[in-house]
Structure formats: C-alpha cells, structure tokens
Amino acid sequence: MVAALHERQSLSPHACFEHYYAGSGLDRERVIELLEHVAAELRLPVDKLRPEDRFAVELSPGRWNTYDSGHAMLISDLAAMARQRGKVVDTTIETVDDYLRAMVQVY
C-alpha cells in the first residue's frame, strides 16, 4: 500500500493543517512538527501523509510478517512521553490522526 502513497497529490504540512485541523484548536506548529516526525520515522514523504492513513493499512510496509519499526518507534515515543509527563494514553493508535491527537495531549 505504501507505493500508492507516492501517486497521491502532494499536500504540504501547512496545507494539511489548514485542510484537516484549522478549526480543531490544535497548535499548528505542534501538528506540523508531529507530521514531520511521523514521516521521518516511517521514511515516507511528509507531503503524502494524510490524517486518515492507517498504520496497518495505507502505511504498512506491505511485506507479510515484517516488523514495522517506524510505527513501533512512534508508539514507543508516545508511551515514553506520556510516562515522563504522568499522563495516560487510553486510546488505540490506528491512524496518523490518532497519533497526532494523542501526542498533542501528552506534550
């Protein structure tokens, strides 16, 4: 599925924020920073990510029985930050949006 991402129209992180999060109350710079972090961990172009992308589907490496270390690092980062800040993340992280919203809450 990751190969299909490269065929998407490009959407800059700023444009992504405007399209998906402008009225959300989330901090623009934090969301953009987190989008860039997700892209770096998954080794994907940031302009191809969308909040509705699912880690196990659209962002999956696509190889059977392959450990997705990028996704694991994102979840590990989230859990570590939550512990450091004495916060609890009690939601399942299935999409980029789930991750962004959870991370914003623990910052």
PDB file of N, CA and C in Angstrom:
ATOM      1  N   MET A   1       0.807  -1.199   0.000  1.00  0.00           N
ATOM      2  CA  MET A   1       0.000   0.000   0.000  1.00  0.00           C
ATOM      3  C   MET A   1       0.852   1.266   0.000  1.00  0.00           C
ATOM      4  N   VAL A   2       2.033   1.219   0.591  1.00  0.00           N
ATOM      5  CA  VAL A   2       2.868   2.413   0.660  1.00  0.00           C
ATOM      6  C   VAL A   2       3.191   2.938  -0.739  1.00  0.00           C
ATOM      7  N   ALA A   3       3.353   2.063  -1.704  1.00  0.00           N
ATOM      8  CA  ALA A   3       3.645   2.502  -3.067  1.00  0.00           C
ATOM      9  C   ALA A   3       2.548   3.425  -3.603  1.00  0.00           C
ATOM     10  N   ALA A   4       1.304   3.179  -3.237  1.00  0.00           N
ATOM     11  CA  ALA A   4       0.195   4.015  -3.689  1.00  0.00           C
ATOM     12  C   ALA A   4       0.279   5.432  -3.134  1.00  0.00           C
ATOM     13  N   LEU A   5       0.940   5.603  -1.995  1.00  0.00           N
ATOM     14  CA  LEU A   5       1.082   6.943  -1.417  1.00  0.00           C
ATOM     15  C   LEU A   5       1.847   7.871  -2.346  1.00  0.00           C
ATOM     16  N   HIS A   6       2.821   7.344  -3.039  1.00  0.00           N
ATOM     17  CA  HIS A   6       3.651   8.173  -3.907  1.00  0.00           C
ATOM     18  C   HIS A   6       2.872   8.739  -5.093  1.00  0.00           C
ATOM     19  N   GLU A   7       1.728   8.152  -5.407  1.00  0.00           N
ATOM     20  CA  GLU A   7       0.896   8.639  -6.500  1.00  0.00           C
ATOM     21  C   GLU A   7      -0.073   9.736  -6.065  1.00  0.00           C
ATOM     22  N   ARG A   8      -0.177   9.954  -4.760  1.00  0.00           N
ATOM     23  CA  ARG A   8      -1.084  10.989  -4.247  1.00  0.00           C
ATOM     24  C   ARG A   8      -0.604  12.377  -4.633  1.00  0.00           C
ATOM     25  N   GLN A   9      -1.556  13.284  -4.665  1.00  0.00           N
ATOM     26  CA  GLN A   9      -1.216  14.690  -4.846  1.00  0.00           C
ATOM     27  C   GLN A   9      -0.459  15.152  -3.603  1.00  0.00           C
ATOM     28  N   SER A  10       0.545  15.962  -3.787  1.00  0.00           N
ATOM     29  CA  SER A  10       1.316  16.492  -2.662  1.00  0.00           C
ATOM     30  C   SER A  10       0.478  17.488  -1.872  1.00  0.00           C
ATOM     31  N   LEU A  11       0.654  17.451  -0.549  1.00  0.00           N
ATOM     32  CA  LEU A  11      -0.024  18.372   0.347  1.00  0.00           C
ATOM     33  C   LEU A  11       0.986  18.743   1.425  1.00  0.00           C
ATOM     34  N   SER A  12       1.448  19.974   1.408  1.00  0.00           N
ATOM     35  CA  SER A  12       2.459  20.396   2.369  1.00  0.00           C
ATOM     36  C   SER A  12       1.917  20.257   3.792  1.00  0.00           C
ATOM     37  N   PRO A  13       2.794  20.145   4.779  1.00  0.00           N
ATOM     38  CA  PRO A  13       2.314  20.073   6.166  1.00  0.00           C
ATOM     39  C   PRO A  13       1.436  21.269   6.552  1.00  0.00           C
ATOM     40  N   HIS A  14       1.778  22.467   6.073  1.00  0.00           N
ATOM     41  CA  HIS A  14       0.964  23.647   6.372  1.00  0.00           C
ATOM     42  C   HIS A  14      -0.421  23.530   5.739  1.00  0.00           C
ATOM     43  N   ALA A  15      -0.464  23.073   4.486  1.00  0.00           N
ATOM     44  CA  ALA A  15      -1.745  22.888   3.808  1.00  0.00           C
ATOM     45  C   ALA A  15      -2.543  21.759   4.458  1.00  0.00           C
ATOM     46  N   CYS A  16      -1.859  20.730   4.907  1.00  0.00           N
ATOM     47  CA  CYS A  16      -2.519  19.628   5.612  1.00  0.00           C
ATOM     48  C   CYS A  16      -3.181  20.157   6.881  1.00  0.00           C
ATOM     49  N   PHE A  17      -2.455  20.981   7.634  1.00  0.00           N
ATOM     50  CA  PHE A  17      -3.036  21.562   8.837  1.00  0.00           C
ATOM     51  C   PHE A  17      -4.280  22.368   8.487  1.00  0.00           C
ATOM     52  N   GLU A  18      -4.165  23.227   7.487  1.00  0.00           N
ATOM     53  CA  GLU A  18      -5.302  24.075   7.100  1.00  0.00           C
ATOM     54  C   GLU A  18      -6.507  23.243   6.688  1.00  0.00           C
ATOM     55  N   HIS A  19      -6.264  22.185   5.951  1.00  0.00           N
ATOM     56  CA  HIS A  19      -7.363  21.358   5.442  1.00  0.00           C
ATOM     57  C   HIS A  19      -8.017  20.511   6.537  1.00  0.00           C
ATOM     58  N   TYR A  20      -7.208  19.919   7.399  1.00  0.00           N
ATOM     59  CA  TYR A  20      -7.733  18.956   8.365  1.00  0.00           C
ATOM     60  C   TYR A  20      -7.891  19.480   9.794  1.00  0.00           C
ATOM     61  N   TYR A  21      -7.094  20.468  10.183  1.00  0.00           N
ATOM     62  CA  TYR A  21      -7.043  20.836  11.600  1.00  0.00           C
ATOM     63  C   TYR A  21      -7.284  22.307  11.902  1.00  0.00           C
ATOM     64  N   ALA A  22      -7.562  23.127  10.914  1.00  0.00           N
ATOM     65  CA  ALA A  22      -7.670  24.574  11.131  1.00  0.00           C
ATOM     66  C   ALA A  22      -8.633  24.940  12.254  1.00  0.00           C
ATOM     67  N   GLY A  23      -9.747  24.292  12.372  1.00  0.00           N
ATOM     68  CA  GLY A  23     -10.729  24.627  13.405  1.00  0.00           C
ATOM     69  C   GLY A  23     -10.690  23.711  14.615  1.00  0.00           C
ATOM     70  N   SER A  24      -9.627  22.926  14.736  1.00  0.00           N
ATOM     71  CA  SER A  24      -9.572  21.899  15.779  1.00  0.00           C
ATOM     72  C   SER A  24      -9.118  22.409  17.143  1.00  0.00           C
ATOM     73  N   GLY A  25      -8.470  23.560  17.163  1.00  0.00           N
ATOM     74  CA  GLY A  25      -7.901  24.049  18.413  1.00  0.00           C
ATOM     75  C   GLY A  25      -6.513  23.496  18.683  1.00  0.00           C
ATOM     76  N   LEU A  26      -6.019  22.613  17.806  1.00  0.00           N
ATOM     77  CA  LEU A  26      -4.667  22.063  17.970  1.00  0.00           C
ATOM     78  C   LEU A  26      -3.635  23.092  17.518  1.00  0.00           C
ATOM     79  N   ASP A  27      -2.494  23.082  18.160  1.00  0.00           N
ATOM     80  CA  ASP A  27      -1.415  24.005  17.845  1.00  0.00           C
ATOM     81  C   ASP A  27      -0.810  23.675  16.475  1.00  0.00           C
ATOM     82  N   ARG A  28      -0.809  24.669  15.591  1.00  0.00           N
ATOM     83  CA  ARG A  28      -0.322  24.487  14.219  1.00  0.00           C
ATOM     84  C   ARG A  28       1.113  23.953  14.186  1.00  0.00           C
ATOM     85  N   GLU A  29       1.995  24.592  14.886  1.00  0.00           N
ATOM     86  CA  GLU A  29       3.407  24.189  14.831  1.00  0.00           C
ATOM     87  C   GLU A  29       3.621  22.788  15.402  1.00  0.00           C
ATOM     88  N   ARG A  30       2.870  22.437  16.434  1.00  0.00           N
ATOM     89  CA  ARG A  30       2.995  21.104  17.031  1.00  0.00           C
ATOM     90  C   ARG A  30       2.515  20.037  16.048  1.00  0.00           C
ATOM     91  N   VAL A  31       1.382  20.278  15.399  1.00  0.00           N
ATOM     92  CA  VAL A  31       0.856  19.320  14.437  1.00  0.00           C
ATOM     93  C   VAL A  31       1.834  19.140  13.281  1.00  0.00           C
ATOM     94  N   ILE A  32       2.369  20.229  12.773  1.00  0.00           N
ATOM     95  CA  ILE A  32       3.329  20.155  11.669  1.00  0.00           C
ATOM     96  C   ILE A  32       4.588  19.416  12.109  1.00  0.00           C
ATOM     97  N   GLU A  33       5.081  19.728  13.295  1.00  0.00           N
ATOM     98  CA  GLU A  33       6.252  19.027  13.825  1.00  0.00           C
ATOM     99  C   GLU A  33       5.985  17.519  13.919  1.00  0.00           C
ATOM    100  N   LEU A  34       4.812  17.152  14.398  1.00  0.00           N
ATOM    101  CA  LEU A  34       4.478  15.735  14.547  1.00  0.00           C
ATOM    102  C   LEU A  34       4.276  15.048  13.202  1.00  0.00           C
ATOM    103  N   LEU A  35       3.687  15.730  12.233  1.00  0.00           N
ATOM    104  CA  LEU A  35       3.569  15.165  10.892  1.00  0.00           C
ATOM    105  C   LEU A  35       4.950  14.864  10.314  1.00  0.00           C
ATOM    106  N   GLU A  36       5.859  15.801  10.496  1.00  0.00           N
ATOM    107  CA  GLU A  36       7.230  15.609  10.000  1.00  0.00           C
ATOM    108  C   GLU A  36       7.917  14.466  10.729  1.00  0.00           C
ATOM    109  N   HIS A  37       7.640  14.319  12.019  1.00  0.00           N
ATOM    110  CA  HIS A  37       8.211  13.225  12.802  1.00  0.00           C
ATOM    111  C   HIS A  37       7.684  11.882  12.310  1.00  0.00           C
ATOM    112  N   VAL A  38       6.381  11.791  12.071  1.00  0.00           N
ATOM    113  CA  VAL A  38       5.785  10.553  11.553  1.00  0.00           C
ATOM    114  C   VAL A  38       6.434  10.189  10.216  1.00  0.00           C
ATOM    115  N   ALA A  39       6.538  11.162   9.329  1.00  0.00           N
ATOM    116  CA  ALA A  39       7.135  10.912   8.011  1.00  0.00           C
ATOM    117  C   ALA A  39       8.580  10.423   8.149  1.00  0.00           C
ATOM    118  N   ALA A  40       9.346  11.044   9.037  1.00  0.00           N
ATOM    119  CA  ALA A  40      10.740  10.646   9.225  1.00  0.00           C
ATOM    120  C   ALA A  40      10.842   9.227   9.770  1.00  0.00           C
ATOM    121  N   GLU A  41      10.035   8.899  10.766  1.00  0.00           N
ATOM    122  CA  GLU A  41      10.086   7.554  11.360  1.00  0.00           C
ATOM    123  C   GLU A  41       9.664   6.480  10.365  1.00  0.00           C
ATOM    124  N   LEU A  42       8.691   6.801   9.526  1.00  0.00           N
ATOM    125  CA  LEU A  42       8.197   5.827   8.556  1.00  0.00           C
ATOM    126  C   LEU A  42       8.970   5.871   7.243  1.00  0.00           C
ATOM    127  N   ARG A  43       9.869   6.847   7.132  1.00  0.00           N
ATOM    128  CA  ARG A  43      10.665   7.048   5.919  1.00  0.00           C
ATOM    129  C   ARG A  43       9.772   7.245   4.694  1.00  0.00           C
ATOM    130  N   LEU A  44       8.820   8.151   4.883  1.00  0.00           N
ATOM    131  CA  LEU A  44       7.891   8.498   3.819  1.00  0.00           C
ATOM    132  C   LEU A  44       7.898  10.009   3.615  1.00  0.00           C
ATOM    133  N   PRO A  45       7.563  10.475   2.423  1.00  0.00           N
ATOM    134  CA  PRO A  45       7.488  11.922   2.194  1.00  0.00           C
ATOM    135  C   PRO A  45       6.325  12.528   2.982  1.00  0.00           C
ATOM    136  N   VAL A  46       6.603  13.566   3.724  1.00  0.00           N
ATOM    137  CA  VAL A  46       5.586  14.194   4.568  1.00  0.00           C
ATOM    138  C   VAL A  46       4.408  14.716   3.752  1.00  0.00           C
ATOM    139  N   ASP A  47       4.662  15.142   2.536  1.00  0.00           N
ATOM    140  CA  ASP A  47       3.592  15.711   1.712  1.00  0.00           C
ATOM    141  C   ASP A  47       2.612  14.665   1.183  1.00  0.00           C
ATOM    142  N   LYS A  48       2.875  13.393   1.438  1.00  0.00           N
ATOM    143  CA  LYS A  48       1.978  12.322   1.002  1.00  0.00           C
ATOM    144  C   LYS A  48       1.141  11.758   2.151  1.00  0.00           C
ATOM    145  N   LEU A  49       1.460  12.117   3.389  1.00  0.00           N
ATOM    146  CA  LEU A  49       0.710  11.621   4.540  1.00  0.00           C
ATOM    147  C   LEU A  49      -0.625  12.330   4.669  1.00  0.00           C
ATOM    148  N   ARG A  50      -1.617  11.601   5.157  1.00  0.00           N
ATOM    149  CA  ARG A  50      -2.920  12.169   5.460  1.00  0.00           C
ATOM    150  C   ARG A  50      -3.342  11.677   6.835  1.00  0.00           C
ATOM    151  N   PRO A  51      -4.085  12.475   7.582  1.00  0.00           N
ATOM    152  CA  PRO A  51      -4.504  12.067   8.930  1.00  0.00           C
ATOM    153  C   PRO A  51      -5.264  10.748   8.962  1.00  0.00           C
ATOM    154  N   GLU A  52      -6.015  10.433   7.936  1.00  0.00           N
ATOM    155  CA  GLU A  52      -6.803   9.206   7.943  1.00  0.00           C
ATOM    156  C   GLU A  52      -5.992   7.960   7.587  1.00  0.00           C
ATOM    157  N   ASP A  53      -4.728   8.123   7.232  1.00  0.00           N
ATOM    158  CA  ASP A  53      -3.882   6.971   6.913  1.00  0.00           C
ATOM    159  C   ASP A  53      -3.747   6.053   8.116  1.00  0.00           C
ATOM    160  N   ARG A  54      -4.009   4.776   7.885  1.00  0.00           N
ATOM    161  CA  ARG A  54      -3.894   3.777   8.944  1.00  0.00           C
ATOM    162  C   ARG A  54      -2.512   3.144   8.888  1.00  0.00           C
ATOM    163  N   PHE A  55      -1.899   3.009  10.057  1.00  0.00           N
ATOM    164  CA  PHE A  55      -0.557   2.432  10.121  1.00  0.00           C
ATOM    165  C   PHE A  55      -0.533   1.001   9.600  1.00  0.00           C
ATOM    166  N   ALA A  56      -1.582   0.235   9.846  1.00  0.00           N
ATOM    167  CA  ALA A  56      -1.608  -1.174   9.458  1.00  0.00           C
ATOM    168  C   ALA A  56      -2.106  -1.395   8.025  1.00  0.00           C
ATOM    169  N   VAL A  57      -2.558  -0.324   7.369  1.00  0.00           N
ATOM    170  CA  VAL A  57      -3.092  -0.491   6.013  1.00  0.00           C
ATOM    171  C   VAL A  57      -2.306   0.395   5.041  1.00  0.00           C
ATOM    172  N   GLU A  58      -2.670   1.677   4.957  1.00  0.00           N
ATOM    173  CA  GLU A  58      -2.019   2.564   3.987  1.00  0.00           C
ATOM    174  C   GLU A  58      -0.529   2.743   4.254  1.00  0.00           C
ATOM    175  N   LEU A  59      -0.121   2.702   5.512  1.00  0.00           N
ATOM    176  CA  LEU A  59       1.284   2.958   5.851  1.00  0.00           C
ATOM    177  C   LEU A  59       2.062   1.687   6.173  1.00  0.00           C
ATOM    178  N   SER A  60       1.469   0.553   5.945  1.00  0.00           N
ATOM    179  CA  SER A  60       2.129  -0.720   6.198  1.00  0.00           C
ATOM    180  C   SER A  60       3.245  -0.945   5.177  1.00  0.00           C
ATOM    181  N   PRO A  61       4.349  -1.534   5.617  1.00  0.00           N
ATOM    182  CA  PRO A  61       5.423  -1.824   4.667  1.00  0.00           C
ATOM    183  C   PRO A  61       4.980  -2.760   3.543  1.00  0.00           C
ATOM    184  N   GLY A  62       3.887  -3.506   3.777  1.00  0.00           N
ATOM    185  CA  GLY A  62       3.336  -4.334   2.723  1.00  0.00           C
ATOM    186  C   GLY A  62       3.986  -5.689   2.552  1.00  0.00           C
ATOM    187  N   ARG A  63       4.872  -6.032   3.440  1.00  0.00           N
ATOM    188  CA  ARG A  63       5.529  -7.331   3.357  1.00  0.00           C
ATOM    189  C   ARG A  63       5.014  -8.199   4.487  1.00  0.00           C
ATOM    190  N   TRP A  64       4.538  -9.367   4.175  1.00  0.00           N
ATOM    191  CA  TRP A  64       3.985 -10.284   5.157  1.00  0.00           C
ATOM    192  C   TRP A  64       5.016 -10.592   6.233  1.00  0.00           C
ATOM    193  N   ASN A  65       4.562 -10.558   7.462  1.00  0.00           N
ATOM    194  CA  ASN A  65       5.385 -10.934   8.613  1.00  0.00           C
ATOM    195  C   ASN A  65       6.604 -10.020   8.787  1.00  0.00           C
ATOM    196  N   THR A  66       6.485  -8.767   8.381  1.00  0.00           N
ATOM    197  CA  THR A  66       7.575  -7.810   8.525  1.00  0.00           C
ATOM    198  C   THR A  66       7.290  -6.899   9.705  1.00  0.00           C
ATOM    199  N   TYR A  67       8.277  -6.732  10.561  1.00  0.00           N
ATOM    200  CA  TYR A  67       8.158  -5.853  11.713  1.00  0.00           C
ATOM    201  C   TYR A  67       8.263  -4.420  11.233  1.00  0.00           C
ATOM    202  N   ASP A  68       7.306  -3.604  11.596  1.00  0.00           N
ATOM    203  CA  ASP A  68       7.304  -2.201  11.190  1.00  0.00           C
ATOM    204  C   ASP A  68       7.965  -1.374  12.289  1.00  0.00           C
ATOM    205  N   SER A  69       9.256  -1.178  12.187  1.00  0.00           N
ATOM    206  CA  SER A  69       9.993  -0.483  13.240  1.00  0.00           C
ATOM    207  C   SER A  69       9.626   0.992  13.346  1.00  0.00           C
ATOM    208  N   GLY A  70       9.241   1.635  12.243  1.00  0.00           N
ATOM    209  CA  GLY A  70       8.842   3.039  12.298  1.00  0.00           C
ATOM    210  C   GLY A  70       7.600   3.236  13.141  1.00  0.00           C
ATOM    211  N   HIS A  71       6.595   2.421  12.909  1.00  0.00           N
ATOM    212  CA  HIS A  71       5.363   2.502  13.687  1.00  0.00           C
ATOM    213  C   HIS A  71       5.647   2.171  15.148  1.00  0.00           C
ATOM    214  N   ALA A  72       6.454   1.155  15.383  1.00  0.00           N
ATOM    215  CA  ALA A  72       6.802   0.771  16.761  1.00  0.00           C
ATOM    216  C   ALA A  72       7.513   1.916  17.476  1.00  0.00           C
ATOM    217  N   MET A  73       8.379   2.633  16.787  1.00  0.00           N
ATOM    218  CA  MET A  73       9.083   3.767  17.403  1.00  0.00           C
ATOM    219  C   MET A  73       8.117   4.897  17.747  1.00  0.00           C
ATOM    220  N   LEU A  74       7.156   5.147  16.895  1.00  0.00           N
ATOM    221  CA  LEU A  74       6.169   6.190  17.176  1.00  0.00           C
ATOM    222  C   LEU A  74       5.381   5.853  18.438  1.00  0.00           C
ATOM    223  N   ILE A  75       4.932   4.619  18.546  1.00  0.00           N
ATOM    224  CA  ILE A  75       4.164   4.197  19.713  1.00  0.00           C
ATOM    225  C   ILE A  75       5.039   4.216  20.958  1.00  0.00           C
ATOM    226  N   SER A  76       6.282   3.817  20.812  1.00  0.00           N
ATOM    227  CA  SER A  76       7.224   3.848  21.936  1.00  0.00           C
ATOM    228  C   SER A  76       7.477   5.284  22.399  1.00  0.00           C
ATOM    229  N   ASP A  77       7.655   6.199  21.456  1.00  0.00           N
ATOM    230  CA  ASP A  77       7.853   7.620  21.790  1.00  0.00           C
ATOM    231  C   ASP A  77       6.643   8.168  22.546  1.00  0.00           C
ATOM    232  N   LEU A  78       5.460   7.827  22.073  1.00  0.00           N
ATOM    233  CA  LEU A  78       4.228   8.279  22.715  1.00  0.00           C
ATOM    234  C   LEU A  78       4.135   7.755  24.148  1.00  0.00           C
ATOM    235  N   ALA A  79       4.395   6.481  24.322  1.00  0.00           N
ATOM    236  CA  ALA A  79       4.317   5.873  25.659  1.00  0.00           C
ATOM    237  C   ALA A  79       5.363   6.474  26.595  1.00  0.00           C
ATOM    238  N   ALA A  80       6.572   6.684  26.102  1.00  0.00           N
ATOM    239  CA  ALA A  80       7.638   7.256  26.925  1.00  0.00           C
ATOM    240  C   ALA A  80       7.301   8.678  27.353  1.00  0.00           C
ATOM    241  N   MET A  81       6.818   9.481  26.416  1.00  0.00           N
ATOM    242  CA  MET A  81       6.483  10.861  26.749  1.00  0.00           C
ATOM    243  C   MET A  81       5.328  10.910  27.748  1.00  0.00           C
ATOM    244  N   ALA A  82       4.347  10.050  27.556  1.00  0.00           N
ATOM    245  CA  ALA A  82       3.207  10.009  28.484  1.00  0.00           C
ATOM    246  C   ALA A  82       3.697   9.647  29.887  1.00  0.00           C
ATOM    247  N   ARG A  83       4.560   8.662  29.996  1.00  0.00           N
ATOM    248  CA  ARG A  83       5.108   8.270  31.313  1.00  0.00           C
ATOM    249  C   ARG A  83       5.865   9.426  31.955  1.00  0.00           C
ATOM    250  N   GLN A  84       6.714  10.087  31.175  1.00  0.00           N
ATOM    251  CA  GLN A  84       7.511  11.207  31.690  1.00  0.00           C
ATOM    252  C   GLN A  84       6.628  12.326  32.213  1.00  0.00           C
ATOM    253  N   ARG A  85       5.504  12.524  31.590  1.00  0.00           N
ATOM    254  CA  ARG A  85       4.629  13.634  31.962  1.00  0.00           C
ATOM    255  C   ARG A  85       3.488  13.209  32.875  1.00  0.00           C
ATOM    256  N   GLY A  86       3.504  11.930  33.292  1.00  0.00           N
ATOM    257  CA  GLY A  86       2.471  11.436  34.200  1.00  0.00           C
ATOM    258  C   GLY A  86       1.084  11.408  33.592  1.00  0.00           C
ATOM    259  N   LYS A  87       1.027  11.167  32.295  1.00  0.00           N
ATOM    260  CA  LYS A  87      -0.263  11.126  31.603  1.00  0.00           C
ATOM    261  C   LYS A  87      -0.531   9.713  31.106  1.00  0.00           C
ATOM    262  N   VAL A  88      -1.781   9.442  30.848  1.00  0.00           N
ATOM    263  CA  VAL A  88      -2.194   8.129  30.379  1.00  0.00           C
ATOM    264  C   VAL A  88      -2.782   8.259  28.978  1.00  0.00           C
ATOM    265  N   VAL A  89      -2.330   7.397  28.094  1.00  0.00           N
ATOM    266  CA  VAL A  89      -2.906   7.332  26.745  1.00  0.00           C
ATOM    267  C   VAL A  89      -3.783   6.094  26.737  1.00  0.00           C
ATOM    268  N   ASP A  90      -5.083   6.317  26.686  1.00  0.00           N
ATOM    269  CA  ASP A  90      -6.016   5.194  26.771  1.00  0.00           C
ATOM    270  C   ASP A  90      -6.806   5.004  25.483  1.00  0.00           C
ATOM    271  N   THR A  91      -6.193   5.307  24.374  1.00  0.00           N
ATOM    272  CA  THR A  91      -6.833   5.162  23.079  1.00  0.00           C
ATOM    273  C   THR A  91      -5.964   4.307  22.173  1.00  0.00           C
ATOM    274  N   THR A  92      -6.590   3.631  21.255  1.00  0.00           N
ATOM    275  CA  THR A  92      -5.865   2.840  20.268  1.00  0.00           C
ATOM    276  C   THR A  92      -5.340   3.783  19.193  1.00  0.00           C
ATOM    277  N   ILE A  93      -4.106   3.584  18.810  1.00  0.00           N
ATOM    278  CA  ILE A  93      -3.491   4.418  17.783  1.00  0.00           C
ATOM    279  C   ILE A  93      -3.498   3.641  16.473  1.00  0.00           C
ATOM    280  N   GLU A  94      -4.477   3.926  15.640  1.00  0.00           N
ATOM    281  CA  GLU A  94      -4.603   3.233  14.357  1.00  0.00           C
ATOM    282  C   GLU A  94      -4.250   4.114  13.169  1.00  0.00           C
ATOM    283  N   THR A  95      -4.426   5.427  13.331  1.00  0.00           N
ATOM    284  CA  THR A  95      -4.215   6.349  12.213  1.00  0.00           C
ATOM    285  C   THR A  95      -3.208   7.432  12.589  1.00  0.00           C
ATOM    286  N   VAL A  96      -2.766   8.152  11.584  1.00  0.00           N
ATOM    287  CA  VAL A  96      -1.891   9.298  11.826  1.00  0.00           C
ATOM    288  C   VAL A  96      -2.615  10.299  12.721  1.00  0.00           C
ATOM    289  N   ASP A  97      -3.890  10.521  12.479  1.00  0.00           N
ATOM    290  CA  ASP A  97      -4.676  11.446  13.306  1.00  0.00           C
ATOM    291  C   ASP A  97      -4.710  10.987  14.766  1.00  0.00           C
ATOM    292  N   ASP A  98      -4.921   9.697  15.001  1.00  0.00           N
ATOM    293  CA  ASP A  98      -4.915   9.179  16.378  1.00  0.00           C
ATOM    294  C   ASP A  98      -3.595   9.516  17.067  1.00  0.00           C
ATOM    295  N   TYR A  99      -2.502   9.292  16.348  1.00  0.00           N
ATOM    296  CA  TYR A  99      -1.170   9.558  16.907  1.00  0.00           C
ATOM    297  C   TYR A  99      -0.983  11.052  17.185  1.00  0.00           C
ATOM    298  N   LEU A 100      -1.325  11.894  16.220  1.00  0.00           N
ATOM    299  CA  LEU A 100      -1.154  13.342  16.396  1.00  0.00           C
ATOM    300  C   LEU A 100      -1.935  13.852  17.601  1.00  0.00           C
ATOM    301  N   ARG A 101      -3.183  13.454  17.699  1.00  0.00           N
ATOM    302  CA  ARG A 101      -4.027  13.926  18.803  1.00  0.00           C
ATOM    303  C   ARG A 101      -3.538  13.401  20.152  1.00  0.00           C
ATOM    304  N   ALA A 102      -3.087  12.174  20.207  1.00  0.00           N
ATOM    305  CA  ALA A 102      -2.564  11.618  21.453  1.00  0.00           C
ATOM    306  C   ALA A 102      -1.287  12.342  21.872  1.00  0.00           C
ATOM    307  N   MET A 103      -0.394  12.580  20.900  1.00  0.00           N
ATOM    308  CA  MET A 103       0.865  13.262  21.226  1.00  0.00           C
ATOM    309  C   MET A 103       0.612  14.696  21.678  1.00  0.00           C
ATOM    310  N   VAL A 104      -0.306  15.397  21.028  1.00  0.00           N
ATOM    311  CA  VAL A 104      -0.619  16.764  21.429  1.00  0.00           C
ATOM    312  C   VAL A 104      -1.104  16.777  22.878  1.00  0.00           C
ATOM    313  N   GLN A 105      -1.863  15.776  23.277  1.00  0.00           N
ATOM    314  CA  GLN A 105      -2.394  15.709  24.638  1.00  0.00           C
ATOM    315  C   GLN A 105      -1.305  15.445  25.684  1.00  0.00           C
ATOM    316  N   VAL A 106      -0.243  14.753  25.314  1.00  0.00           N
ATOM    317  CA  VAL A 106       0.789  14.464  26.317  1.00  0.00           C
ATOM    318  C   VAL A 106       1.908  15.500  26.337  1.00  0.00           C
ATOM    319  N   TYR A 107       1.963  16.379  25.335  1.00  0.00           N
ATOM    320  CA  TYR A 107       3.002  17.411  25.304  1.00  0.00           C
ATOM    321  C   TYR A 107       2.875  18.328  26.506  1.00  0.00           C
TER     322      TYR A 107
END
